[in-house]
Amino acid sequence: TAEMVHEEKCRQENQE
């Protein structure tokens, strides 16, 4: 789902 992609992207940005 698009939500999963959004969450994954948010996590990657959060990691930085």
PDB file of N, CA and C in Angstrom:
ATOM      1  N   THR A   1       0.845  -1.220   0.000  1.00  0.00           N
ATOM      2  CA  THR A   1       0.000   0.000   0.000  1.00  0.00           C
ATOM      3  C   THR A   1       0.871   1.256   0.000  1.00  0.00           C
ATOM      4  N   ALA A   2       0.308   2.335  -0.448  1.00  0.00           N
ATOM      5  CA  ALA A   2       1.068   3.591  -0.500  1.00  0.00           C
ATOM      6  C   ALA A   2       1.493   3.993   0.920  1.00  0.00           C
ATOM      7  N   GLU A   3       0.667   3.673   1.895  1.00  0.00           N
ATOM      8  CA  GLU A   3       1.018   4.052   3.275  1.00  0.00           C
ATOM      9  C   GLU A   3       2.338   3.400   3.698  1.00  0.00           C
ATOM     10  N   MET A   4       2.499   2.137   3.307  1.00  0.00           N
ATOM     11  CA  MET A   4       3.724   1.434   3.684  1.00  0.00           C
ATOM     12  C   MET A   4       4.937   2.151   3.075  1.00  0.00           C
ATOM     13  N   VAL A   5       4.823   2.554   1.823  1.00  0.00           N
ATOM     14  CA  VAL A   5       5.940   3.241   1.165  1.00  0.00           C
ATOM     15  C   VAL A   5       6.223   4.553   1.888  1.00  0.00           C
ATOM     16  N   HIS A   6       5.169   5.260   2.238  1.00  0.00           N
ATOM     17  CA  HIS A   6       5.360   6.547   2.927  1.00  0.00           C
ATOM     18  C   HIS A   6       6.059   6.324   4.264  1.00  0.00           C
ATOM     19  N   GLU A   7       5.632   5.314   5.000  1.00  0.00           N
ATOM     20  CA  GLU A   7       6.252   5.045   6.308  1.00  0.00           C
ATOM     21  C   GLU A   7       7.724   4.683   6.123  1.00  0.00           C
ATOM     22  N   GLU A   8       7.993   3.854   5.143  1.00  0.00           N
ATOM     23  CA  GLU A   8       9.390   3.443   4.917  1.00  0.00           C
ATOM     24  C   GLU A   8      10.247   4.673   4.598  1.00  0.00           C
ATOM     25  N   LYS A   9       9.727   5.554   3.778  1.00  0.00           N
ATOM     26  CA  LYS A   9      10.492   6.747   3.408  1.00  0.00           C
ATOM     27  C   LYS A   9      10.711   7.613   4.655  1.00  0.00           C
ATOM     28  N   CYS A  10       9.677   7.756   5.438  1.00  0.00           N
ATOM     29  CA  CYS A  10       9.782   8.566   6.665  1.00  0.00           C
ATOM     30  C   CYS A  10      10.859   7.964   7.561  1.00  0.00           C
ATOM     31  N   ARG A  11      10.884   6.663   7.673  1.00  0.00           N
ATOM     32  CA  ARG A  11      11.880   6.022   8.543  1.00  0.00           C
ATOM     33  C   ARG A  11      13.287   6.286   8.014  1.00  0.00           C
ATOM     34  N   GLN A  12      13.458   6.127   6.725  1.00  0.00           N
ATOM     35  CA  GLN A  12      14.794   6.351   6.156  1.00  0.00           C
ATOM     36  C   GLN A  12      15.242   7.780   6.425  1.00  0.00           C
ATOM     37  N   GLU A  13      14.340   8.743   6.253  1.00  0.00           N
ATOM     38  CA  GLU A  13      14.727  10.139   6.497  1.00  0.00           C
ATOM     39  C   GLU A  13      14.976  10.352   7.983  1.00  0.00           C
ATOM     40  N   ASN A  14      14.207   9.679   8.808  1.00  0.00           N
ATOM     41  CA  ASN A  14      14.368   9.833  10.251  1.00  0.00           C
ATOM     42  C   ASN A  14      15.720   9.287  10.689  1.00  0.00           C
ATOM     43  N   GLN A  15      16.164   8.219  10.028  1.00  0.00           N
ATOM     44  CA  GLN A  15      17.431   7.601  10.417  1.00  0.00           C
ATOM     45  C   GLN A  15      18.575   8.600  10.251  1.00  0.00           C
ATOM     46  N   GLU A  16      18.503   9.445   9.227  1.00  0.00           N
ATOM     47  CA  GLU A  16      19.606  10.359   8.948  1.00  0.00           C
ATOM     48  C   GLU A  16      19.760  11.368  10.071  1.00  0.00           C
TER      49      GLU A  16
END
